[in-house]
């Protein structure tokens, strides 16, 4: 009986750890658009004369604050 209980507790803990990793790699996404260009470098326009844009979804990364490193002492 205690093997069954231990197995159920182990499965419950494993499921909790697996469920928390579900959104670990997602992060905050941002949409970035740039004007589309042809081979010569000219902007591509649609039939109405509006510039066509290429859009991508990119992941926003957080910049970490750096701590100042103390100066090294001279070895003599």
PDB file of N, CA and C in Angstrom:
ATOM      1  N   UNK A   1       0.824  -1.190   0.000  1.00  0.00           N
ATOM      2  CA  UNK A   1       0.000   0.000   0.000  1.00  0.00           C
ATOM      3  C   UNK A   1       0.875   1.263   0.000  1.00  0.00           C
ATOM      4  N   UNK A   2       1.948   1.264   0.789  1.00  0.00           N
ATOM      5  CA  UNK A   2       2.781   2.470   0.841  1.00  0.00           C
ATOM      6  C   UNK A   2       3.524   2.694  -0.474  1.00  0.00           C
ATOM      7  N   UNK A   3       3.740   1.624  -1.282  1.00  0.00           N
ATOM      8  CA  UNK A   3       4.358   1.802  -2.593  1.00  0.00           C
ATOM      9  C   UNK A   3       3.421   2.542  -3.545  1.00  0.00           C
ATOM     10  N   UNK A   4       2.149   2.261  -3.433  1.00  0.00           N
ATOM     11  CA  UNK A   4       1.158   2.944  -4.272  1.00  0.00           C
ATOM     12  C   UNK A   4       1.090   4.419  -3.907  1.00  0.00           C
ATOM     13  N   UNK A   5       1.082   4.715  -2.620  1.00  0.00           N
ATOM     14  CA  UNK A   5       1.020   6.104  -2.159  1.00  0.00           C
ATOM     15  C   UNK A   5       2.293   6.850  -2.587  1.00  0.00           C
ATOM     16  N   UNK A   6       3.444   6.201  -2.431  1.00  0.00           N
ATOM     17  CA  UNK A   6       4.710   6.833  -2.827  1.00  0.00           C
ATOM     18  C   UNK A   6       4.737   7.092  -4.330  1.00  0.00           C
ATOM     19  N   UNK A   7       4.202   6.169  -5.109  1.00  0.00           N
ATOM     20  CA  UNK A   7       4.151   6.351  -6.564  1.00  0.00           C
ATOM     21  C   UNK A   7       3.239   7.506  -6.931  1.00  0.00           C
ATOM     22  N   UNK A   8       2.077   7.594  -6.284  1.00  0.00           N
ATOM     23  CA  UNK A   8       1.138   8.686  -6.576  1.00  0.00           C
ATOM     24  C   UNK A   8       1.721  10.042  -6.188  1.00  0.00           C
ATOM     25  N   UNK A   9       2.397  10.109  -5.058  1.00  0.00           N
ATOM     26  CA  UNK A   9       3.027  11.372  -4.637  1.00  0.00           C
ATOM     27  C   UNK A   9       4.138  11.751  -5.610  1.00  0.00           C
ATOM     28  N   UNK A  10       4.925  10.779  -6.041  1.00  0.00           N
ATOM     29  CA  UNK A  10       5.993  11.053  -7.006  1.00  0.00           C
ATOM     30  C   UNK A  10       5.451  11.547  -8.333  1.00  0.00           C
ATOM     31  N   UNK A  11       4.371  10.948  -8.807  1.00  0.00           N
ATOM     32  CA  UNK A  11       3.753  11.405 -10.057  1.00  0.00           C
ATOM     33  C   UNK A  11       3.176  12.810  -9.918  1.00  0.00           C
ATOM     34  N   UNK A  12       2.576  13.106  -8.765  1.00  0.00           N
ATOM     35  CA  UNK A  12       2.017  14.442  -8.543  1.00  0.00           C
ATOM     36  C   UNK A  12       3.120  15.497  -8.544  1.00  0.00           C
ATOM     37  N   UNK A  13       4.248  15.201  -7.911  1.00  0.00           N
ATOM     38  CA  UNK A  13       5.369  16.155  -7.885  1.00  0.00           C
ATOM     39  C   UNK A  13       5.979  16.317  -9.272  1.00  0.00           C
ATOM     40  N   UNK A  14       6.110  15.220  -9.996  1.00  0.00           N
ATOM     41  CA  UNK A  14       6.676  15.295 -11.340  1.00  0.00           C
ATOM     42  C   UNK A  14       5.768  16.090 -12.264  1.00  0.00           C
ATOM     43  N   UNK A  15       4.468  15.915 -12.132  1.00  0.00           N
ATOM     44  CA  UNK A  15       3.520  16.664 -12.972  1.00  0.00           C
ATOM     45  C   UNK A  15       3.581  18.155 -12.653  1.00  0.00           C
ATOM     46  N   UNK A  16       3.723  18.510 -11.385  1.00  0.00           N
ATOM     47  CA  UNK A  16       3.828  19.917 -10.997  1.00  0.00           C
ATOM     48  C   UNK A  16       5.068  20.566 -11.573  1.00  0.00           C
ATOM     49  N   UNK A  17       6.188  19.848 -11.576  1.00  0.00           N
ATOM     50  CA  UNK A  17       7.428  20.387 -12.146  1.00  0.00           C
ATOM     51  C   UNK A  17       7.316  20.518 -13.659  1.00  0.00           C
ATOM     52  N   UNK A  18       6.661  19.563 -14.296  1.00  0.00           N
ATOM     53  CA  UNK A  18       6.488  19.615 -15.754  1.00  0.00           C
ATOM     54  C   UNK A  18       5.557  20.755 -16.141  1.00  0.00           C
ATOM     55  N   UNK A  19       4.506  20.975 -15.392  1.00  0.00           N
ATOM     56  CA  UNK A  19       3.538  22.025 -15.709  1.00  0.00           C
ATOM     57  C   UNK A  19       4.167  23.410 -15.555  1.00  0.00           C
ATOM     58  N   UNK A  20       5.089  23.582 -14.608  1.00  0.00           N
ATOM     59  CA  UNK A  20       5.692  24.897 -14.413  1.00  0.00           C
ATOM     60  C   UNK A  20       6.661  25.246 -15.536  1.00  0.00           C
ATOM     61  N   UNK A  21       7.223  24.246 -16.243  1.00  0.00           N
ATOM     62  CA  UNK A  21       8.138  24.491 -17.349  1.00  0.00           C
ATOM     63  C   UNK A  21       7.410  24.747 -18.663  1.00  0.00           C
ATOM     64  N   UNK A  22       6.089  24.731 -18.649  1.00  0.00           N
ATOM     65  CA  UNK A  22       5.314  24.865 -19.869  1.00  0.00           C
ATOM     66  C   UNK A  22       5.553  26.213 -20.545  1.00  0.00           C
ATOM     67  N   UNK A  23       5.681  27.296 -19.779  1.00  0.00           N
ATOM     68  CA  UNK A  23       5.855  28.626 -20.354  1.00  0.00           C
ATOM     69  C   UNK A  23       7.263  29.162 -20.141  1.00  0.00           C
ATOM     70  N   UNK A  24       8.219  28.302 -19.847  1.00  0.00           N
ATOM     71  CA  UNK A  24       9.569  28.746 -19.507  1.00  0.00           C
ATOM     72  C   UNK A  24      10.271  29.419 -20.681  1.00  0.00           C
ATOM     73  N   UNK A  25      10.122  28.923 -21.914  1.00  0.00           N
ATOM     74  CA  UNK A  25      10.864  29.447 -23.040  1.00  0.00           C
ATOM     75  C   UNK A  25      10.147  30.522 -23.832  1.00  0.00           C
ATOM     76  N   UNK A  26       8.948  30.897 -23.458  1.00  0.00           N
ATOM     77  CA  UNK A  26       8.152  31.828 -24.258  1.00  0.00           C
ATOM     78  C   UNK A  26       8.709  33.245 -24.170  1.00  0.00           C
ATOM     79  N   UNK A  27       8.719  33.834 -23.005  1.00  0.00           N
ATOM     80  CA  UNK A  27       9.214  35.197 -22.851  1.00  0.00           C
ATOM     81  C   UNK A  27       8.280  36.213 -23.470  1.00  0.00           C
ATOM     82  N   UNK A  28       8.669  37.459 -23.455  1.00  0.00           N
ATOM     83  CA  UNK A  28       7.862  38.530 -24.018  1.00  0.00           C
ATOM     84  C   UNK A  28       8.205  38.675 -25.502  1.00  0.00           C
ATOM     85  N   UNK A  29       7.190  38.702 -26.341  1.00  0.00           N
ATOM     86  CA  UNK A  29       7.381  38.807 -27.780  1.00  0.00           C
ATOM     87  C   UNK A  29       7.029  40.228 -28.238  1.00  0.00           C
ATOM     88  N   UNK A  30       7.739  40.700 -29.270  1.00  0.00           N
ATOM     89  CA  UNK A  30       7.538  42.048 -29.789  1.00  0.00           C
ATOM     90  C   UNK A  30       7.472  41.970 -31.309  1.00  0.00           C
ATOM     91  N   UNK A  31       6.569  42.704 -31.917  1.00  0.00           N
ATOM     92  CA  UNK A  31       6.427  42.718 -33.370  1.00  0.00           C
ATOM     93  C   UNK A  31       7.257  43.871 -33.939  1.00  0.00           C
ATOM     94  N   UNK A  32       8.142  43.542 -34.891  1.00  0.00           N
ATOM     95  CA  UNK A  32       9.028  44.532 -35.512  1.00  0.00           C
ATOM     96  C   UNK A  32       8.779  44.524 -37.013  1.00  0.00           C
ATOM     97  N   UNK A  33       8.573  45.704 -37.598  1.00  0.00           N
ATOM     98  CA  UNK A  33       8.315  45.803 -39.034  1.00  0.00           C
ATOM     99  C   UNK A  33       9.366  46.703 -39.697  1.00  0.00           C
ATOM    100  N   UNK A  34       9.814  46.285 -40.892  1.00  0.00           N
ATOM    101  CA  UNK A  34      10.767  47.041 -41.697  1.00  0.00           C
ATOM    102  C   UNK A  34      10.224  47.130 -43.115  1.00  0.00           C
ATOM    103  N   UNK A  35      10.523  48.208 -43.840  1.00  0.00           N
ATOM    104  CA  UNK A  35      10.078  48.281 -45.242  1.00  0.00           C
ATOM    105  C   UNK A  35      10.764  47.216 -46.092  1.00  0.00           C
ATOM    106  N   UNK A  36       9.999  46.589 -46.967  1.00  0.00           N
ATOM    107  CA  UNK A  36      10.535  45.546 -47.836  1.00  0.00           C
ATOM    108  C   UNK A  36      11.309  46.205 -48.970  1.00  0.00           C
ATOM    109  N   UNK A  37      12.489  45.649 -49.317  1.00  0.00           N
ATOM    110  CA  UNK A  37      13.329  46.222 -50.372  1.00  0.00           C
ATOM    111  C   UNK A  37      13.616  45.162 -51.421  1.00  0.00           C
ATOM    112  N   UNK A  38      13.792  45.629 -52.672  1.00  0.00           N
ATOM    113  CA  UNK A  38      14.135  44.705 -53.758  1.00  0.00           C
ATOM    114  C   UNK A  38      15.652  44.555 -53.838  1.00  0.00           C
ATOM    115  N   UNK A  39      16.145  43.876 -54.887  1.00  0.00           N
ATOM    116  CA  UNK A  39      17.582  43.605 -55.013  1.00  0.00           C
ATOM    117  C   UNK A  39      18.420  44.870 -55.169  1.00  0.00           C
ATOM    118  N   UNK A  40      17.852  45.905 -55.772  1.00  0.00           N
ATOM    119  CA  UNK A  40      18.593  47.151 -55.965  1.00  0.00           C
ATOM    120  C   UNK A  40      18.590  48.030 -54.711  1.00  0.00           C
ATOM    121  N   UNK A  41      17.787  47.684 -53.710  1.00  0.00           N
ATOM    122  CA  UNK A  41      17.725  48.474 -52.483  1.00  0.00           C
ATOM    123  C   UNK A  41      16.574  49.460 -52.467  1.00  0.00           C
ATOM    124  N   UNK A  42      15.709  49.423 -53.479  1.00  0.00           N
ATOM    125  CA  UNK A  42      14.557  50.318 -53.519  1.00  0.00           C
ATOM    126  C   UNK A  42      13.400  49.715 -52.731  1.00  0.00           C
ATOM    127  N   UNK A  43      12.580  50.586 -52.125  1.00  0.00           N
ATOM    128  CA  UNK A  43      11.425  50.114 -51.371  1.00  0.00           C
ATOM    129  C   UNK A  43      10.361  49.581 -52.323  1.00  0.00           C
ATOM    130  N   UNK A  44       9.744  48.456 -51.957  1.00  0.00           N
ATOM    131  CA  UNK A  44       8.694  47.836 -52.754  1.00  0.00           C
ATOM    132  C   UNK A  44       7.366  48.474 -52.367  1.00  0.00           C
ATOM    133  N   UNK A  45       6.557  48.856 -53.374  1.00  0.00           N
ATOM    134  CA  UNK A  45       5.254  49.481 -53.126  1.00  0.00           C
ATOM    135  C   UNK A  45       4.161  48.610 -53.707  1.00  0.00           C
ATOM    136  N   UNK A  46       2.986  48.624 -53.039  1.00  0.00           N
ATOM    137  CA  UNK A  46       1.848  47.862 -53.551  1.00  0.00           C
ATOM    138  C   UNK A  46       1.122  48.678 -54.614  1.00  0.00           C
ATOM    139  N   UNK A  47      -0.020  48.186 -55.095  1.00  0.00           N
ATOM    140  CA  UNK A  47      -0.727  48.851 -56.195  1.00  0.00           C
ATOM    141  C   UNK A  47      -1.296  50.212 -55.811  1.00  0.00           C
ATOM    142  N   UNK A  48      -1.457  50.483 -54.508  1.00  0.00           N
ATOM    143  CA  UNK A  48      -1.957  51.779 -54.057  1.00  0.00           C
ATOM    144  C   UNK A  48      -0.837  52.786 -53.804  1.00  0.00           C
ATOM    145  N   UNK A  49       0.413  52.367 -53.946  1.00  0.00           N
ATOM    146  CA  UNK A  49       1.555  53.257 -53.726  1.00  0.00           C
ATOM    147  C   UNK A  49       2.061  53.249 -52.299  1.00  0.00           C
ATOM    148  N   UNK A  50       1.498  52.371 -51.470  1.00  0.00           N
ATOM    149  CA  UNK A  50       1.930  52.281 -50.079  1.00  0.00           C
ATOM    150  C   UNK A  50       3.122  51.323 -49.978  1.00  0.00           C
ATOM    151  N   UNK A  51       4.099  51.649 -49.127  1.00  0.00           N
ATOM    152  CA  UNK A  51       5.294  50.825 -48.958  1.00  0.00           C
ATOM    153  C   UNK A  51       4.911  49.522 -48.245  1.00  0.00           C
ATOM    154  N   UNK A  52       5.371  48.380 -48.790  1.00  0.00           N
ATOM    155  CA  UNK A  52       5.107  47.075 -48.206  1.00  0.00           C
ATOM    156  C   UNK A  52       6.089  46.843 -47.059  1.00  0.00           C
ATOM    157  N   UNK A  53       5.581  46.309 -45.933  1.00  0.00           N
ATOM    158  CA  UNK A  53       6.431  46.064 -44.774  1.00  0.00           C
ATOM    159  C   UNK A  53       6.578  44.572 -44.512  1.00  0.00           C
ATOM    160  N   UNK A  54       7.776  44.175 -44.042  1.00  0.00           N
ATOM    161  CA  UNK A  54       8.020  42.811 -43.583  1.00  0.00           C
ATOM    162  C   UNK A  54       8.010  42.851 -42.063  1.00  0.00           C
ATOM    163  N   UNK A  55       7.181  42.025 -41.445  1.00  0.00           N
ATOM    164  CA  UNK A  55       7.056  42.013 -39.988  1.00  0.00           C
ATOM    165  C   UNK A  55       7.519  40.671 -39.433  1.00  0.00           C
ATOM    166  N   UNK A  56       8.147  40.726 -38.255  1.00  0.00           N
ATOM    167  CA  UNK A  56       8.617  39.532 -37.554  1.00  0.00           C
ATOM    168  C   UNK A  56       8.249  39.653 -36.087  1.00  0.00           C
ATOM    169  N   UNK A  57       8.110  38.503 -35.420  1.00  0.00           N
ATOM    170  CA  UNK A  57       7.932  38.456 -33.973  1.00  0.00           C
ATOM    171  C   UNK A  57       9.290  38.079 -33.380  1.00  0.00           C
ATOM    172  N   UNK A  58       9.824  38.937 -32.511  1.00  0.00           N
ATOM    173  CA  UNK A  58      11.109  38.648 -31.889  1.00  0.00           C
ATOM    174  C   UNK A  58      10.942  38.592 -30.381  1.00  0.00           C
ATOM    175  N   UNK A  59      11.831  37.869 -29.729  1.00  0.00           N
ATOM    176  CA  UNK A  59      11.801  37.742 -28.280  1.00  0.00           C
ATOM    177  C   UNK A  59      12.573  38.897 -27.657  1.00  0.00           C
ATOM    178  N   UNK A  60      11.976  39.557 -26.670  1.00  0.00           N
ATOM    179  CA  UNK A  60      12.618  40.663 -25.971  1.00  0.00           C
ATOM    180  C   UNK A  60      13.416  40.079 -24.816  1.00  0.00           C
ATOM    181  N   UNK A  61      14.691  40.379 -24.776  1.00  0.00           N
ATOM    182  CA  UNK A  61      15.551  39.879 -23.706  1.00  0.00           C
ATOM    183  C   UNK A  61      15.805  40.990 -22.696  1.00  0.00           C
ATOM    184  N   UNK A  62      15.860  40.606 -21.439  1.00  0.00           N
ATOM    185  CA  UNK A  62      16.095  41.574 -20.374  1.00  0.00           C
ATOM    186  C   UNK A  62      17.586  41.804 -20.227  1.00  0.00           C
ATOM    187  N   UNK A  63      17.970  43.067 -20.100  1.00  0.00           N
ATOM    188  CA  UNK A  63      19.370  43.404 -19.899  1.00  0.00           C
ATOM    189  C   UNK A  63      19.654  43.382 -18.400  1.00  0.00           C
ATOM    190  N   UNK A  64      20.674  42.650 -18.012  1.00  0.00           N
ATOM    191  CA  UNK A  64      21.021  42.532 -16.608  1.00  0.00           C
ATOM    192  C   UNK A  64      21.935  43.680 -16.189  1.00  0.00           C
ATOM    193  N   UNK A  65      21.742  44.141 -14.978  1.00  0.00           N
ATOM    194  CA  UNK A  65      22.575  45.201 -14.431  1.00  0.00           C
ATOM    195  C   UNK A  65      23.919  44.598 -14.010  1.00  0.00           C
ATOM    196  N   UNK A  66      24.996  45.284 -14.328  1.00  0.00           N
ATOM    197  CA  UNK A  66      26.331  44.798 -13.978  1.00  0.00           C
ATOM    198  C   UNK A  66      26.775  45.431 -12.667  1.00  0.00           C
ATOM    199  N   UNK A  67      27.531  44.686 -11.897  1.00  0.00           N
ATOM    200  CA  UNK A  67      28.106  45.240 -10.673  1.00  0.00           C
ATOM    201  C   UNK A  67      29.535  45.656 -10.958  1.00  0.00           C
ATOM    202  N   UNK A  68      29.987  46.679 -10.273  1.00  0.00           N
ATOM    203  CA  UNK A  68      31.322  47.197 -10.499  1.00  0.00           C
ATOM    204  C   UNK A  68      32.362  46.255  -9.874  1.00  0.00           C
ATOM    205  N   UNK A  69      33.430  45.992 -10.594  1.00  0.00           N
ATOM    206  CA  UNK A  69      34.498  45.117 -10.133  1.00  0.00           C
ATOM    207  C   UNK A  69      35.542  45.975  -9.437  1.00  0.00           C
ATOM    208  N   UNK A  70      35.918  45.622  -8.196  1.00  0.00           N
ATOM    209  CA  UNK A  70      36.916  46.421  -7.508  1.00  0.00           C
ATOM    210  C   UNK A  70      38.280  46.301  -8.187  1.00  0.00           C
ATOM    211  N   UNK A  71      39.096  47.367  -8.147  1.00  0.00           N
ATOM    212  CA  UNK A  71      40.409  47.304  -8.801  1.00  0.00           C
ATOM    213  C   UNK A  71      41.310  46.281  -8.112  1.00  0.00           C
ATOM    214  N   UNK A  72      42.142  45.633  -8.907  1.00  0.00           N
ATOM    215  CA  UNK A  72      43.056  44.605  -8.375  1.00  0.00           C
ATOM    216  C   UNK A  72      44.227  45.269  -7.674  1.00  0.00           C
ATOM    217  N   UNK A  73      44.701  44.626  -6.617  1.00  0.00           N
ATOM    218  CA  UNK A  73      45.860  45.152  -5.887  1.00  0.00           C
ATOM    219  C   UNK A  73      47.128  44.723  -6.615  1.00  0.00           C
ATOM    220  N   UNK A  74      48.142  45.599  -6.598  1.00  0.00           N
ATOM    221  CA  UNK A  74      49.417  45.264  -7.239  1.00  0.00           C
ATOM    222  C   UNK A  74      50.153  44.217  -6.432  1.00  0.00           C
ATOM    223  N   UNK A  75      50.687  43.211  -7.133  1.00  0.00           N
ATOM    224  CA  UNK A  75      51.459  42.156  -6.475  1.00  0.00           C
ATOM    225  C   UNK A  75      52.939  42.493  -6.585  1.00  0.00           C
ATOM    226  N   UNK A  76      53.636  42.660  -5.437  1.00  0.00           N
ATOM    227  CA  UNK A  76      55.071  42.969  -5.422  1.00  0.00           C
ATOM    228  C   UNK A  76      55.782  42.120  -4.442  1.00  0.00           C
TER     229      UNK A  76
END
